[in-house]
Amino acid sequence: MERKDFEKAFPALSDEMATGETKTYRIAGVRQEMNESRSPGEKETYLPDVVDYIRRCDTVSQAVEIIEYLLKRGELTKSQASSIKRQLKSEGLRSFGAKKERDYYLHHGIGE
């Protein structure tokens, strides 16, 4: 890979390499479950999951309402709903990640 291409693909890393200084980033949330991996060549599509919906909430009660709705629709199992509620209660709303504001994907893409 050419240096110019590397700088374009990895701007923060190339900046750290050029300056010799590393940066520290705070992780705002942790997902409890991993998404299934895609097979090679499979086209990337994006369907929001319960965590994506929770990250748009302003209050815990809104998050609980979403969990109950997805449970009622069969998109979550009772076990998953309980686990998510437990995390919500013990670690808080933002333990699922920073709030996703309106037009989030226009600014950040679907990679996150």
PDB file of N, CA and C in Angstrom:
ATOM      1  N   MET A   1       0.858  -1.178   0.000  1.00  0.00           N
ATOM      2  CA  MET A   1       0.000   0.000   0.000  1.00  0.00           C
ATOM      3  C   MET A   1       0.902   1.237   0.000  1.00  0.00           C
ATOM      4  N   GLU A   2       0.594   2.140  -0.872  1.00  0.00           N
ATOM      5  CA  GLU A   2       1.346   3.389  -0.951  1.00  0.00           C
ATOM      6  C   GLU A   2       1.053   4.252   0.275  1.00  0.00           C
ATOM      7  N   ARG A   3       2.031   5.064   0.642  1.00  0.00           N
ATOM      8  CA  ARG A   3       1.897   5.920   1.826  1.00  0.00           C
ATOM      9  C   ARG A   3       0.670   6.831   1.717  1.00  0.00           C
ATOM     10  N   LYS A   4       0.457   7.395   0.561  1.00  0.00           N
ATOM     11  CA  LYS A   4      -0.680   8.302   0.335  1.00  0.00           C
ATOM     12  C   LYS A   4      -2.004   7.565   0.559  1.00  0.00           C
ATOM     13  N   ASP A   5      -2.064   6.324   0.059  1.00  0.00           N
ATOM     14  CA  ASP A   5      -3.277   5.516   0.238  1.00  0.00           C
ATOM     15  C   ASP A   5      -3.474   5.155   1.711  1.00  0.00           C
ATOM     16  N   PHE A   6      -2.360   4.857   2.388  1.00  0.00           N
ATOM     17  CA  PHE A   6      -2.426   4.521   3.806  1.00  0.00           C
ATOM     18  C   PHE A   6      -2.943   5.712   4.610  1.00  0.00           C
ATOM     19  N   GLU A   7      -2.423   6.913   4.313  1.00  0.00           N
ATOM     20  CA  GLU A   7      -2.857   8.115   5.037  1.00  0.00           C
ATOM     21  C   GLU A   7      -4.340   8.398   4.809  1.00  0.00           C
ATOM     22  N   LYS A   8      -4.807   8.101   3.619  1.00  0.00           N
ATOM     23  CA  LYS A   8      -6.218   8.324   3.306  1.00  0.00           C
ATOM     24  C   LYS A   8      -7.103   7.287   4.016  1.00  0.00           C
ATOM     25  N   ALA A   9      -6.637   6.039   4.043  1.00  0.00           N
ATOM     26  CA  ALA A   9      -7.437   4.972   4.659  1.00  0.00           C
ATOM     27  C   ALA A   9      -7.400   5.023   6.186  1.00  0.00           C
ATOM     28  N   PHE A  10      -6.264   5.432   6.746  1.00  0.00           N
ATOM     29  CA  PHE A  10      -6.089   5.423   8.200  1.00  0.00           C
ATOM     30  C   PHE A  10      -5.527   6.762   8.672  1.00  0.00           C
ATOM     31  N   PRO A  11      -6.328   7.834   8.594  1.00  0.00           N
ATOM     32  CA  PRO A  11      -5.786   9.167   8.903  1.00  0.00           C
ATOM     33  C   PRO A  11      -5.298   9.313  10.348  1.00  0.00           C
ATOM     34  N   ALA A  12      -6.009   8.773  11.308  1.00  0.00           N
ATOM     35  CA  ALA A  12      -5.597   8.916  12.706  1.00  0.00           C
ATOM     36  C   ALA A  12      -4.335   8.122  12.982  1.00  0.00           C
ATOM     37  N   LEU A  13      -4.264   6.916  12.462  1.00  0.00           N
ATOM     38  CA  LEU A  13      -3.083   6.077  12.675  1.00  0.00           C
ATOM     39  C   LEU A  13      -1.856   6.686  11.999  1.00  0.00           C
ATOM     40  N   SER A  14      -2.007   7.184  10.794  1.00  0.00           N
ATOM     41  CA  SER A  14      -0.854   7.781  10.105  1.00  0.00           C
ATOM     42  C   SER A  14      -0.407   9.050  10.821  1.00  0.00           C
ATOM     43  N   ASP A  15      -1.347   9.793  11.401  1.00  0.00           N
ATOM     44  CA  ASP A  15      -0.987  10.974  12.182  1.00  0.00           C
ATOM     45  C   ASP A  15      -0.191  10.568  13.414  1.00  0.00           C
ATOM     46  N   GLU A  16      -0.630   9.524  14.090  1.00  0.00           N
ATOM     47  CA  GLU A  16       0.096   9.040  15.269  1.00  0.00           C
ATOM     48  C   GLU A  16       1.484   8.564  14.890  1.00  0.00           C
ATOM     49  N   MET A  17       1.597   7.890  13.759  1.00  0.00           N
ATOM     50  CA  MET A  17       2.899   7.404  13.322  1.00  0.00           C
ATOM     51  C   MET A  17       3.818   8.567  12.962  1.00  0.00           C
ATOM     52  N   ALA A  18       3.267   9.617  12.358  1.00  0.00           N
ATOM     53  CA  ALA A  18       4.073  10.768  11.949  1.00  0.00           C
ATOM     54  C   ALA A  18       4.553  11.568  13.149  1.00  0.00           C
ATOM     55  N   THR A  19       3.679  11.730  14.154  1.00  0.00           N
ATOM     56  CA  THR A  19       4.033  12.545  15.315  1.00  0.00           C
ATOM     57  C   THR A  19       4.710  11.726  16.410  1.00  0.00           C
ATOM     58  N   GLY A  20       4.534  10.423  16.394  1.00  0.00           N
ATOM     59  CA  GLY A  20       5.109   9.580  17.437  1.00  0.00           C
ATOM     60  C   GLY A  20       4.312   9.612  18.724  1.00  0.00           C
ATOM     61  N   GLU A  21       3.174  10.267  18.709  1.00  0.00           N
ATOM     62  CA  GLU A  21       2.336  10.354  19.900  1.00  0.00           C
ATOM     63  C   GLU A  21       1.075   9.536  19.692  1.00  0.00           C
ATOM     64  N   THR A  22       0.742   8.736  20.675  1.00  0.00           N
ATOM     65  CA  THR A  22      -0.482   7.953  20.577  1.00  0.00           C
ATOM     66  C   THR A  22      -1.610   8.682  21.285  1.00  0.00           C
ATOM     67  N   LYS A  23      -2.797   8.400  20.874  1.00  0.00           N
ATOM     68  CA  LYS A  23      -3.973   9.022  21.462  1.00  0.00           C
ATOM     69  C   LYS A  23      -4.778   7.980  22.217  1.00  0.00           C
ATOM     70  N   THR A  24      -5.475   8.412  23.205  1.00  0.00           N
ATOM     71  CA  THR A  24      -6.324   7.532  23.986  1.00  0.00           C
ATOM     72  C   THR A  24      -7.771   7.887  23.706  1.00  0.00           C
ATOM     73  N   TYR A  25      -8.555   6.868  23.425  1.00  0.00           N
ATOM     74  CA  TYR A  25      -9.965   7.084  23.164  1.00  0.00           C
ATOM     75  C   TYR A  25     -10.780   6.371  24.230  1.00  0.00           C
ATOM     76  N   ARG A  26     -11.762   7.058  24.767  1.00  0.00           N
ATOM     77  CA  ARG A  26     -12.639   6.482  25.770  1.00  0.00           C
ATOM     78  C   ARG A  26     -13.725   5.678  25.069  1.00  0.00           C
ATOM     79  N   ILE A  27     -13.933   4.478  25.519  1.00  0.00           N
ATOM     80  CA  ILE A  27     -14.999   3.647  24.964  1.00  0.00           C
ATOM     81  C   ILE A  27     -16.265   3.934  25.756  1.00  0.00           C
ATOM     82  N   ALA A  28     -17.291   4.375  25.045  1.00  0.00           N
ATOM     83  CA  ALA A  28     -18.515   4.800  25.719  1.00  0.00           C
ATOM     84  C   ALA A  28     -19.481   3.666  25.999  1.00  0.00           C
ATOM     85  N   GLY A  29     -19.319   2.526  25.378  1.00  0.00           N
ATOM     86  CA  GLY A  29     -20.273   1.453  25.607  1.00  0.00           C
ATOM     87  C   GLY A  29     -19.733   0.112  25.165  1.00  0.00           C
ATOM     88  N   VAL A  30     -20.355  -0.920  25.663  1.00  0.00           N
ATOM     89  CA  VAL A  30     -19.935  -2.279  25.333  1.00  0.00           C
ATOM     90  C   VAL A  30     -21.166  -3.087  24.992  1.00  0.00           C
ATOM     91  N   ARG A  31     -21.119  -3.783  23.877  1.00  0.00           N
ATOM     92  CA  ARG A  31     -22.219  -4.673  23.518  1.00  0.00           C
ATOM     93  C   ARG A  31     -22.005  -6.014  24.185  1.00  0.00           C
ATOM     94  N   GLN A  32     -23.086  -6.592  24.682  1.00  0.00           N
ATOM     95  CA  GLN A  32     -22.998  -7.872  25.368  1.00  0.00           C
ATOM     96  C   GLN A  32     -22.984  -9.033  24.388  1.00  0.00           C
ATOM     97  N   GLU A  33     -23.554  -8.852  23.211  1.00  0.00           N
ATOM     98  CA  GLU A  33     -23.637  -9.930  22.240  1.00  0.00           C
ATOM     99  C   GLU A  33     -22.942  -9.510  20.952  1.00  0.00           C
ATOM    100  N   MET A  34     -22.341 -10.485  20.297  1.00  0.00           N
ATOM    101  CA  MET A  34     -21.656 -10.210  19.043  1.00  0.00           C
ATOM    102  C   MET A  34     -22.589 -10.535  17.887  1.00  0.00           C
ATOM    103  N   ASN A  35     -22.481  -9.745  16.812  1.00  0.00           N
ATOM    104  CA  ASN A  35     -23.244 -10.041  15.604  1.00  0.00           C
ATOM    105  C   ASN A  35     -22.622 -11.250  14.917  1.00  0.00           C
ATOM    106  N   GLU A  36     -23.431 -11.980  14.175  1.00  0.00           N
ATOM    107  CA  GLU A  36     -22.908 -13.105  13.425  1.00  0.00           C
ATOM    108  C   GLU A  36     -22.015 -12.571  12.313  1.00  0.00           C
ATOM    109  N   SER A  37     -20.930 -13.268  12.060  1.00  0.00           N
ATOM    110  CA  SER A  37     -20.026 -12.808  11.008  1.00  0.00           C
ATOM    111  C   SER A  37     -20.603 -13.180   9.649  1.00  0.00           C
ATOM    112  N   ARG A  38     -20.280 -12.352   8.673  1.00  0.00           N
ATOM    113  CA  ARG A  38     -20.744 -12.588   7.309  1.00  0.00           C
ATOM    114  C   ARG A  38     -19.744 -13.484   6.593  1.00  0.00           C
ATOM    115  N   SER A  39     -20.246 -14.212   5.622  1.00  0.00           N
ATOM    116  CA  SER A  39     -19.345 -15.015   4.819  1.00  0.00           C
ATOM    117  C   SER A  39     -18.644 -14.105   3.818  1.00  0.00           C
ATOM    118  N   PRO A  40     -17.445 -14.505   3.369  1.00  0.00           N
ATOM    119  CA  PRO A  40     -16.700 -13.666   2.425  1.00  0.00           C
ATOM    120  C   PRO A  40     -17.524 -13.395   1.170  1.00  0.00           C
ATOM    121  N   GLY A  41     -17.509 -12.172   0.722  1.00  0.00           N
ATOM    122  CA  GLY A  41     -18.215 -11.799  -0.490  1.00  0.00           C
ATOM    123  C   GLY A  41     -19.666 -11.434  -0.267  1.00  0.00           C
ATOM    124  N   GLU A  42     -20.168 -11.680   0.926  1.00  0.00           N
ATOM    125  CA  GLU A  42     -21.557 -11.344   1.215  1.00  0.00           C
ATOM    126  C   GLU A  42     -21.695  -9.829   1.303  1.00  0.00           C
ATOM    127  N   LYS A  43     -22.698  -9.307   0.648  1.00  0.00           N
ATOM    128  CA  LYS A  43     -22.911  -7.870   0.616  1.00  0.00           C
ATOM    129  C   LYS A  43     -23.337  -7.374   1.994  1.00  0.00           C
ATOM    130  N   GLU A  44     -22.721  -6.259   2.402  1.00  0.00           N
ATOM    131  CA  GLU A  44     -23.032  -5.699   3.714  1.00  0.00           C
ATOM    132  C   GLU A  44     -24.360  -4.963   3.683  1.00  0.00           C
ATOM    133  N   THR A  45     -25.240  -5.351   4.540  1.00  0.00           N
ATOM    134  CA  THR A  45     -26.495  -4.632   4.721  1.00  0.00           C
ATOM    135  C   THR A  45     -26.586  -4.295   6.191  1.00  0.00           C
ATOM    136  N   TYR A  46     -27.466  -3.396   6.515  1.00  0.00           N
ATOM    137  CA  TYR A  46     -27.543  -3.000   7.901  1.00  0.00           C
ATOM    138  C   TYR A  46     -28.982  -2.974   8.366  1.00  0.00           C
ATOM    139  N   LEU A  47     -29.258  -3.739   9.390  1.00  0.00           N
ATOM    140  CA  LEU A  47     -30.544  -3.710  10.049  1.00  0.00           C
ATOM    141  C   LEU A  47     -30.294  -3.316  11.496  1.00  0.00           C
ATOM    142  N   PRO A  48     -30.923  -2.267  11.962  1.00  0.00           N
ATOM    143  CA  PRO A  48     -30.691  -1.857  13.342  1.00  0.00           C
ATOM    144  C   PRO A  48     -31.165  -2.939  14.307  1.00  0.00           C
ATOM    145  N   ASP A  49     -30.431  -3.082  15.389  1.00  0.00           N
ATOM    146  CA  ASP A  49     -30.819  -4.047  16.419  1.00  0.00           C
ATOM    147  C   ASP A  49     -31.267  -3.295  17.669  1.00  0.00           C
ATOM    148  N   VAL A  50     -31.542  -4.037  18.715  1.00  0.00           N
ATOM    149  CA  VAL A  50     -32.078  -3.430  19.937  1.00  0.00           C
ATOM    150  C   VAL A  50     -31.127  -2.377  20.504  1.00  0.00           C
ATOM    151  N   VAL A  51     -29.831  -2.622  20.392  1.00  0.00           N
ATOM    152  CA  VAL A  51     -28.858  -1.649  20.912  1.00  0.00           C
ATOM    153  C   VAL A  51     -28.936  -0.343  20.123  1.00  0.00           C
ATOM    154  N   ASP A  52     -29.105  -0.455  18.824  1.00  0.00           N
ATOM    155  CA  ASP A  52     -29.240   0.764  18.009  1.00  0.00           C
ATOM    156  C   ASP A  52     -30.467   1.569  18.435  1.00  0.00           C
ATOM    157  N   TYR A  53     -31.555   0.882  18.698  1.00  0.00           N
ATOM    158  CA  TYR A  53     -32.766   1.583  19.141  1.00  0.00           C
ATOM    159  C   TYR A  53     -32.564   2.192  20.529  1.00  0.00           C
ATOM    160  N   ILE A  54     -31.917   1.435  21.415  1.00  0.00           N
ATOM    161  CA  ILE A  54     -31.683   1.939  22.772  1.00  0.00           C
ATOM    162  C   ILE A  54     -30.787   3.168  22.737  1.00  0.00           C
ATOM    163  N   ARG A  55     -29.818   3.172  21.857  1.00  0.00           N
ATOM    164  CA  ARG A  55     -28.897   4.324  21.778  1.00  0.00           C
ATOM    165  C   ARG A  55     -29.590   5.592  21.308  1.00  0.00           C
ATOM    166  N   ARG A  56     -30.792   5.477  20.787  1.00  0.00           N
ATOM    167  CA  ARG A  56     -31.545   6.677  20.386  1.00  0.00           C
ATOM    168  C   ARG A  56     -32.441   7.193  21.512  1.00  0.00           C
ATOM    169  N   CYS A  57     -32.527   6.456  22.599  1.00  0.00           N
ATOM    170  CA  CYS A  57     -33.411   6.829  23.705  1.00  0.00           C
ATOM    171  C   CYS A  57     -32.809   7.939  24.567  1.00  0.00           C
ATOM    172  N   ASP A  58     -33.708   8.716  25.162  1.00  0.00           N
ATOM    173  CA  ASP A  58     -33.299   9.757  26.100  1.00  0.00           C
ATOM    174  C   ASP A  58     -33.461   9.306  27.540  1.00  0.00           C
ATOM    175  N   THR A  59     -34.344   8.333  27.766  1.00  0.00           N
ATOM    176  CA  THR A  59     -34.600   7.886  29.138  1.00  0.00           C
ATOM    177  C   THR A  59     -34.610   6.359  29.210  1.00  0.00           C
ATOM    178  N   VAL A  60     -34.424   5.866  30.415  1.00  0.00           N
ATOM    179  CA  VAL A  60     -34.466   4.422  30.652  1.00  0.00           C
ATOM    180  C   VAL A  60     -35.854   3.872  30.334  1.00  0.00           C
ATOM    181  N   SER A  61     -36.890   4.627  30.666  1.00  0.00           N
ATOM    182  CA  SER A  61     -38.247   4.132  30.404  1.00  0.00           C
ATOM    183  C   SER A  61     -38.499   3.963  28.904  1.00  0.00           C
ATOM    184  N   GLN A  62     -37.923   4.828  28.089  1.00  0.00           N
ATOM    185  CA  GLN A  62     -38.052   4.646  26.640  1.00  0.00           C
ATOM    186  C   GLN A  62     -37.353   3.356  26.204  1.00  0.00           C
ATOM    187  N   ALA A  63     -36.176   3.091  26.777  1.00  0.00           N
ATOM    188  CA  ALA A  63     -35.436   1.872  26.431  1.00  0.00           C
ATOM    189  C   ALA A  63     -36.222   0.628  26.840  1.00  0.00           C
ATOM    190  N   VAL A  64     -36.813   0.668  28.016  1.00  0.00           N
ATOM    191  CA  VAL A  64     -37.611  -0.477  28.488  1.00  0.00           C
ATOM    192  C   VAL A  64     -38.805  -0.688  27.555  1.00  0.00           C
ATOM    193  N   GLU A  65     -39.422   0.386  27.127  1.00  0.00           N
ATOM    194  CA  GLU A  65     -40.551   0.290  26.200  1.00  0.00           C
ATOM    195  C   GLU A  65     -40.126  -0.392  24.894  1.00  0.00           C
ATOM    196  N   ILE A  66     -38.950  -0.049  24.396  1.00  0.00           N
ATOM    197  CA  ILE A  66     -38.441  -0.669  23.166  1.00  0.00           C
ATOM    198  C   ILE A  66     -38.169  -2.151  23.393  1.00  0.00           C
ATOM    199  N   ILE A  67     -37.563  -2.481  24.511  1.00  0.00           N
ATOM    200  CA  ILE A  67     -37.268  -3.886  24.823  1.00  0.00           C
ATOM    201  C   ILE A  67     -38.561  -4.687  24.888  1.00  0.00           C
ATOM    202  N   GLU A  68     -39.564  -4.146  25.567  1.00  0.00           N
ATOM    203  CA  GLU A  68     -40.860  -4.840  25.677  1.00  0.00           C
ATOM    204  C   GLU A  68     -41.516  -4.995  24.308  1.00  0.00           C
ATOM    205  N   TYR A  69     -41.404  -3.976  23.477  1.00  0.00           N
ATOM    206  CA  TYR A  69     -41.987  -4.028  22.132  1.00  0.00           C
ATOM    207  C   TYR A  69     -41.319  -5.126  21.300  1.00  0.00           C
ATOM    208  N   LEU A  70     -39.982  -5.170  21.324  1.00  0.00           N
ATOM    209  CA  LEU A  70     -39.263  -6.174  20.541  1.00  0.00           C
ATOM    210  C   LEU A  70     -39.502  -7.576  21.096  1.00  0.00           C
ATOM    211  N   LEU A  71     -39.663  -7.690  22.402  1.00  0.00           N
ATOM    212  CA  LEU A  71     -39.992  -8.984  23.013  1.00  0.00           C
ATOM    213  C   LEU A  71     -41.369  -9.444  22.550  1.00  0.00           C
ATOM    214  N   LYS A  72     -42.332  -8.529  22.549  1.00  0.00           N
ATOM    215  CA  LYS A  72     -43.697  -8.844  22.129  1.00  0.00           C
ATOM    216  C   LYS A  72     -43.737  -9.280  20.664  1.00  0.00           C
ATOM    217  N   ARG A  73     -42.885  -8.666  19.836  1.00  0.00           N
ATOM    218  CA  ARG A  73     -42.835  -9.008  18.413  1.00  0.00           C
ATOM    219  C   ARG A  73     -42.027 -10.278  18.141  1.00  0.00           C
ATOM    220  N   GLY A  74     -41.373 -10.802  19.165  1.00  0.00           N
ATOM    221  CA  GLY A  74     -40.574 -12.010  18.991  1.00  0.00           C
ATOM    222  C   GLY A  74     -39.188 -11.740  18.431  1.00  0.00           C
ATOM    223  N   GLU A  75     -38.786 -10.476  18.437  1.00  0.00           N
ATOM    224  CA  GLU A  75     -37.458 -10.139  17.926  1.00  0.00           C
ATOM    225  C   GLU A  75     -36.395 -10.269  19.011  1.00  0.00           C
ATOM    226  N   LEU A  76     -36.823 -10.443  20.241  1.00  0.00           N
ATOM    227  CA  LEU A  76     -35.935 -10.728  21.362  1.00  0.00           C
ATOM    228  C   LEU A  76     -36.517 -11.907  22.127  1.00  0.00           C
ATOM    229  N   THR A  77     -35.628 -12.733  22.687  1.00  0.00           N
ATOM    230  CA  THR A  77     -36.102 -13.788  23.576  1.00  0.00           C
ATOM    231  C   THR A  77     -36.249 -13.201  24.976  1.00  0.00           C
ATOM    232  N   LYS A  78     -36.943 -13.940  25.836  1.00  0.00           N
ATOM    233  CA  LYS A  78     -37.084 -13.477  27.224  1.00  0.00           C
ATOM    234  C   LYS A  78     -35.723 -13.350  27.879  1.00  0.00           C
ATOM    235  N   SER A  79     -34.843 -14.274  27.577  1.00  0.00           N
ATOM    236  CA  SER A  79     -33.494 -14.260  28.140  1.00  0.00           C
ATOM    237  C   SER A  79     -32.724 -13.018  27.681  1.00  0.00           C
ATOM    238  N   GLN A  80     -32.811 -12.707  26.385  1.00  0.00           N
ATOM    239  CA  GLN A  80     -32.128 -11.520  25.869  1.00  0.00           C
ATOM    240  C   GLN A  80     -32.699 -10.254  26.496  1.00  0.00           C
ATOM    241  N   ALA A  81     -34.027 -10.193  26.574  1.00  0.00           N
ATOM    242  CA  ALA A  81     -34.668  -9.015  27.166  1.00  0.00           C
ATOM    243  C   ALA A  81     -34.245  -8.830  28.615  1.00  0.00           C
ATOM    244  N   SER A  82     -34.192  -9.938  29.362  1.00  0.00           N
ATOM    245  CA  SER A  82     -33.774  -9.860  30.764  1.00  0.00           C
ATOM    246  C   SER A  82     -32.335  -9.388  30.883  1.00  0.00           C
ATOM    247  N   SER A  83     -31.479  -9.910  30.029  1.00  0.00           N
ATOM    248  CA  SER A  83     -30.067  -9.530  30.059  1.00  0.00           C
ATOM    249  C   SER A  83     -29.894  -8.036  29.749  1.00  0.00           C
ATOM    250  N   ILE A  84     -30.610  -7.572  28.754  1.00  0.00           N
ATOM    251  CA  ILE A  84     -30.522  -6.157  28.370  1.00  0.00           C
ATOM    252  C   ILE A  84     -31.074  -5.264  29.472  1.00  0.00           C
ATOM    253  N   LYS A  85     -32.185  -5.674  30.063  1.00  0.00           N
ATOM    254  CA  LYS A  85     -32.755  -4.884  31.165  1.00  0.00           C
ATOM    255  C   LYS A  85     -31.804  -4.855  32.357  1.00  0.00           C
ATOM    256  N   ARG A  86     -31.148  -5.984  32.606  1.00  0.00           N
ATOM    257  CA  ARG A  86     -30.202  -6.056  33.722  1.00  0.00           C
ATOM    258  C   ARG A  86     -29.037  -5.078  33.484  1.00  0.00           C
ATOM    259  N   GLN A  87     -28.521  -5.059  32.263  1.00  0.00           N
ATOM    260  CA  GLN A  87     -27.446  -4.121  31.937  1.00  0.00           C
ATOM    261  C   GLN A  87     -27.941  -2.684  32.043  1.00  0.00           C
ATOM    262  N   LEU A  88     -29.154  -2.456  31.581  1.00  0.00           N
ATOM    263  CA  LEU A  88     -29.750  -1.118  31.640  1.00  0.00           C
ATOM    264  C   LEU A  88     -29.844  -0.636  33.080  1.00  0.00           C
ATOM    265  N   LYS A  89     -30.269  -1.548  33.962  1.00  0.00           N
ATOM    266  CA  LYS A  89     -30.436  -1.184  35.372  1.00  0.00           C
ATOM    267  C   LYS A  89     -29.097  -1.016  36.088  1.00  0.00           C
ATOM    268  N   SER A  90     -28.165  -1.925  35.828  1.00  0.00           N
ATOM    269  CA  SER A  90     -26.904  -1.899  36.578  1.00  0.00           C
ATOM    270  C   SER A  90     -25.889  -0.908  36.026  1.00  0.00           C
ATOM    271  N   GLU A  91     -25.870  -0.730  34.689  1.00  0.00           N
ATOM    272  CA  GLU A  91     -24.816   0.090  34.090  1.00  0.00           C
ATOM    273  C   GLU A  91     -25.331   1.359  33.429  1.00  0.00           C
ATOM    274  N   GLY A  92     -26.649   1.456  33.281  1.00  0.00           N
ATOM    275  CA  GLY A  92     -27.217   2.688  32.760  1.00  0.00           C
ATOM    276  C   GLY A  92     -27.452   2.680  31.261  1.00  0.00           C
ATOM    277  N   LEU A  93     -28.195   3.676  30.825  1.00  0.00           N
ATOM    278  CA  LEU A  93     -28.597   3.806  29.417  1.00  0.00           C
ATOM    279  C   LEU A  93     -27.395   3.938  28.484  1.00  0.00           C
ATOM    280  N   ARG A  94     -26.410   4.706  28.894  1.00  0.00           N
ATOM    281  CA  ARG A  94     -25.265   4.958  28.004  1.00  0.00           C
ATOM    282  C   ARG A  94     -24.230   3.846  28.026  1.00  0.00           C
ATOM    283  N   SER A  95     -24.487   2.780  28.777  1.00  0.00           N
ATOM    284  CA  SER A  95     -23.584   1.637  28.722  1.00  0.00           C
ATOM    285  C   SER A  95     -23.698   0.922  27.379  1.00  0.00           C
ATOM    286  N   PHE A  96     -24.736   1.228  26.629  1.00  0.00           N
ATOM    287  CA  PHE A  96     -24.911   0.635  25.302  1.00  0.00           C
ATOM    288  C   PHE A  96     -24.211   1.458  24.231  1.00  0.00           C
ATOM    289  N   GLY A  97     -23.700   2.601  24.609  1.00  0.00           N
ATOM    290  CA  GLY A  97     -22.998   3.461  23.664  1.00  0.00           C
ATOM    291  C   GLY A  97     -23.546   4.866  23.719  1.00  0.00           C
ATOM    292  N   ALA A  98     -22.819   5.780  23.110  1.00  0.00           N
ATOM    293  CA  ALA A  98     -23.237   7.177  23.082  1.00  0.00           C
ATOM    294  C   ALA A  98     -24.555   7.320  22.331  1.00  0.00           C
ATOM    295  N   LYS A  99     -25.276   8.353  22.653  1.00  0.00           N
ATOM    296  CA  LYS A  99     -26.571   8.584  22.008  1.00  0.00           C
ATOM    297  C   LYS A  99     -26.389   8.816  20.513  1.00  0.00           C
ATOM    298  N   LYS A 100     -27.222   8.149  19.743  1.00  0.00           N
ATOM    299  CA  LYS A 100     -27.235   8.363  18.303  1.00  0.00           C
ATOM    300  C   LYS A 100     -28.271   9.425  18.000  1.00  0.00           C
ATOM    301  N   GLU A 101     -27.787  10.550  17.541  1.00  0.00           N
ATOM    302  CA  GLU A 101     -28.679  11.664  17.225  1.00  0.00           C
ATOM    303  C   GLU A 101     -29.280  11.489  15.839  1.00  0.00           C
ATOM    304  N   ARG A 102     -30.209  12.365  15.515  1.00  0.00           N
ATOM    305  CA  ARG A 102     -30.844  12.370  14.198  1.00  0.00           C
ATOM    306  C   ARG A 102     -29.756  12.474  13.114  1.00  0.00           C
ATOM    307  N   ASP A 103     -29.951  11.770  12.015  1.00  0.00           N
ATOM    308  CA  ASP A 103     -29.027  11.746  10.877  1.00  0.00           C
ATOM    309  C   ASP A 103     -27.659  11.180  11.238  1.00  0.00           C
ATOM    310  N   TYR A 104     -27.632  10.334  12.254  1.00  0.00           N
ATOM    311  CA  TYR A 104     -26.367   9.740  12.702  1.00  0.00           C
ATOM    312  C   TYR A 104     -25.629   9.072  11.550  1.00  0.00           C
ATOM    313  N   TYR A 105     -26.340   8.260  10.773  1.00  0.00           N
ATOM    314  CA  TYR A 105     -25.684   7.489   9.722  1.00  0.00           C
ATOM    315  C   TYR A 105     -25.253   8.351   8.543  1.00  0.00           C
ATOM    316  N   LEU A 106     -25.846   9.526   8.389  1.00  0.00           N
ATOM    317  CA  LEU A 106     -25.376  10.432   7.341  1.00  0.00           C
ATOM    318  C   LEU A 106     -23.985  10.944   7.677  1.00  0.00           C
ATOM    319  N   HIS A 107     -23.714  11.097   8.960  1.00  0.00           N
ATOM    320  CA  HIS A 107     -22.430  11.639   9.394  1.00  0.00           C
ATOM    321  C   HIS A 107     -21.391  10.567   9.687  1.00  0.00           C
ATOM    322  N   HIS A 108     -21.838   9.391  10.115  1.00  0.00           N
ATOM    323  CA  HIS A 108     -20.885   8.370  10.549  1.00  0.00           C
ATOM    324  C   HIS A 108     -20.896   7.119   9.690  1.00  0.00           C
ATOM    325  N   GLY A 109     -21.812   6.976   8.769  1.00  0.00           N
ATOM    326  CA  GLY A 109     -21.894   5.769   7.962  1.00  0.00           C
ATOM    327  C   GLY A 109     -22.458   4.622   8.761  1.00  0.00           C
ATOM    328  N   ILE A 110     -22.439   3.438   8.175  1.00  0.00           N
ATOM    329  CA  ILE A 110     -23.011   2.274   8.854  1.00  0.00           C
ATOM    330  C   ILE A 110     -21.942   1.412   9.489  1.00  0.00           C
ATOM    331  N   GLY A 111     -20.690   1.847   9.445  1.00  0.00           N
ATOM    332  CA  GLY A 111     -19.599   1.030   9.973  1.00  0.00           C
ATOM    333  C   GLY A 111     -19.582   0.890  11.463  1.00  0.00           C
ATOM    334  N   GLU A 112     -20.215   1.775  12.189  1.00  0.00           N
ATOM    335  CA  GLU A 112     -20.168   1.696  13.651  1.00  0.00           C
ATOM    336  C   GLU A 112     -21.329   0.953  14.199  1.00  0.00           C
TER     337      GLU A 112
END
